[in-house]
């Protein structure tokens, strides 16, 4: 499963640059910078279908890419949620995955609308005690 990536950070990508590409026999995914705060995630099932979505940041596009790859790894028996619901859930996930954890350290779930995502608080504690 080859992955291609540039060496420039998000600020270094120019409009029209392909930031990340993933290719295998069953899927092709590409993230392209559209504007200073917009990215396009284009993907194909390598048969006849193509989809294009706009996302507000490179990290958000990478998380959406991971969700699509997860569907593919499960033989497309899983589907992605609509983009609005995904963006809401991914924003919370990215917040908790970064410094947002400190402001919510007593929570054991992330509320994403109708869905609750569990947080592994033992892994976070183990990481902090190892530092």
Protein backbone atom coordinates (compact mmCIF):
# COMPACT_ATOMS: atom_id res chain seq x y z
CA UNK A 1 0.00 0.00 0.00
CA UNK A 2 2.20 2.86 -1.17
CA UNK A 3 1.64 6.33 0.21
CA UNK A 4 3.12 9.45 -1.35
CA UNK A 5 3.58 12.63 0.61
CA UNK A 6 5.31 15.94 0.17
CA UNK A 7 7.80 17.27 2.69
CA UNK A 8 6.26 20.74 3.03
CA UNK A 9 4.04 21.45 6.01
CA UNK A 10 0.45 22.65 5.61
CA UNK A 11 1.49 26.30 5.32
CA UNK A 12 3.97 25.33 2.60
CA UNK A 13 1.42 23.89 0.20
CA UNK A 14 0.42 26.11 -2.68
CA UNK A 15 -3.09 26.24 -4.13
CA UNK A 16 -3.47 23.32 -6.52
CA UNK A 17 -0.77 21.23 -4.79
CA UNK A 18 -1.52 17.58 -4.11
CA UNK A 19 -0.77 17.19 -0.41
CA UNK A 20 -1.28 13.45 0.01
CA UNK A 21 -2.09 10.51 -2.27
CA UNK A 22 -2.99 6.89 -1.47
CA UNK A 23 -3.29 4.25 -4.19
CA UNK A 24 -3.97 0.51 -4.16
CA UNK A 25 -5.98 -1.96 -6.27
CA UNK A 26 -9.35 -0.93 -4.84
CA UNK A 27 -9.04 2.78 -4.03
CA UNK A 28 -7.40 6.00 -5.10
CA UNK A 29 -7.49 8.98 -2.71
CA UNK A 30 -5.97 12.41 -3.22
CA UNK A 31 -5.99 15.53 -1.04
CA UNK A 32 -5.47 18.81 -2.93
CA UNK A 33 -5.17 22.34 -1.52
CA UNK A 34 -7.95 24.54 -2.96
CA UNK A 35 -7.43 27.77 -0.99
CA UNK A 36 -5.76 28.95 2.20
CA UNK A 37 -8.38 27.20 4.32
CA UNK A 38 -9.98 24.64 1.96
CA UNK A 39 -8.88 21.17 0.84
CA UNK A 40 -10.45 18.80 -1.64
CA UNK A 41 -10.56 15.09 -0.94
CA UNK A 42 -11.08 13.22 -4.20
CA UNK A 43 -11.43 9.47 -4.24
CA UNK A 44 -12.36 6.62 -6.53
CA UNK A 45 -13.16 2.94 -6.07
CA UNK A 46 -10.97 2.23 -9.15
CA UNK A 47 -14.06 0.93 -10.98
CA UNK A 48 -16.29 3.73 -12.24
CA UNK A 49 -17.15 5.92 -9.27
CA UNK A 50 -15.51 9.17 -8.18
CA UNK A 51 -16.35 11.50 -5.30
CA UNK A 52 -15.08 14.96 -4.34
CA UNK A 53 -15.52 16.67 -0.98
CA UNK A 54 -14.30 20.02 0.37
CA UNK A 55 -12.91 20.14 3.90
CA UNK A 56 -11.80 23.10 6.04
CA UNK A 57 -8.26 21.91 6.89
CA UNK A 58 -5.58 19.41 6.00
CA UNK A 59 -5.94 17.52 9.33
CA UNK A 60 -9.70 17.22 8.72
CA UNK A 61 -9.07 15.90 5.18
CA UNK A 62 -6.59 13.33 6.52
CA UNK A 63 -9.13 12.11 9.11
CA UNK A 64 -11.78 11.81 6.37
CA UNK A 65 -9.23 9.90 4.27
CA UNK A 66 -8.72 7.50 7.21
CA UNK A 67 -12.49 6.98 7.52
CA UNK A 68 -12.76 6.13 3.81
CA UNK A 69 -9.82 3.70 4.07
CA UNK A 70 -11.55 2.07 7.06
CA UNK A 71 -14.61 1.45 4.88
CA UNK A 72 -12.41 -0.09 2.17
CA UNK A 73 -10.65 -2.36 4.67
CA UNK A 74 -14.07 -3.73 5.62
CA UNK A 75 -14.90 -4.62 1.99
CA UNK A 76 -17.13 -1.55 1.70
CA UNK A 77 -19.63 -3.14 4.10
CA UNK A 78 -19.33 0.09 6.08
CA UNK A 79 -20.18 3.50 4.72
CA UNK A 80 -19.10 6.98 5.68
CA UNK A 81 -21.47 9.39 7.39
CA UNK A 82 -22.50 12.55 5.57
CA UNK A 83 -19.91 15.33 5.45
CA UNK A 84 -21.68 17.63 7.94
CA UNK A 85 -21.96 14.90 10.60
CA UNK A 86 -18.39 13.79 9.89
CA UNK A 87 -16.99 17.32 10.24
CA UNK A 88 -18.75 17.76 13.58
CA UNK A 89 -17.41 14.44 14.94
CA UNK A 90 -13.90 14.90 13.50
CA UNK A 91 -13.61 18.40 15.00
CA UNK A 92 -14.27 16.95 18.44
CA UNK A 93 -11.91 14.02 17.81
CA UNK A 94 -9.09 16.34 16.71
CA UNK A 95 -9.72 18.55 19.74
CA UNK A 96 -9.48 15.59 22.13
CA UNK A 97 -6.50 14.12 20.23
CA UNK A 98 -4.53 17.31 20.81
CA UNK A 99 -4.46 19.89 23.61
CA UNK A 100 -8.22 19.74 24.06
CA UNK A 101 -7.75 16.64 26.21
CA UNK A 102 -6.43 18.79 29.07
CA UNK A 103 -9.65 20.81 29.20
CA UNK A 104 -11.82 17.65 29.21
CA UNK A 105 -9.65 15.18 31.14
CA UNK A 106 -12.50 13.88 33.33
CA UNK A 107 -14.67 12.83 30.38
CA UNK A 108 -14.77 9.23 29.22
CA UNK A 109 -16.69 9.85 25.99
CA UNK A 110 -16.71 12.40 23.20
CA UNK A 111 -20.24 13.61 22.39
CA UNK A 112 -20.71 13.91 18.62
CA UNK A 113 -24.41 14.58 18.34
CA UNK A 114 -26.25 11.27 18.61
CA UNK A 115 -23.08 9.19 18.91
CA UNK A 116 -20.74 8.76 21.89
CA UNK A 117 -17.12 7.89 21.13
CA UNK A 118 -15.29 6.19 24.05
CA UNK A 119 -12.02 7.69 25.26
CA UNK A 120 -9.35 5.29 26.53
CA UNK A 121 -8.42 7.19 29.68
CA UNK A 122 -5.96 4.49 30.79
CA UNK A 123 -3.86 4.97 27.66
CA UNK A 124 -3.76 8.72 28.31
CA UNK A 125 -2.77 8.15 31.96
CA UNK A 126 -0.08 5.65 30.95
CA UNK A 127 1.35 8.13 28.46
CA UNK A 128 1.44 10.96 30.98
CA UNK A 129 3.07 8.81 33.70
CA UNK A 130 5.77 7.70 31.24
CA UNK A 131 6.83 11.31 30.63
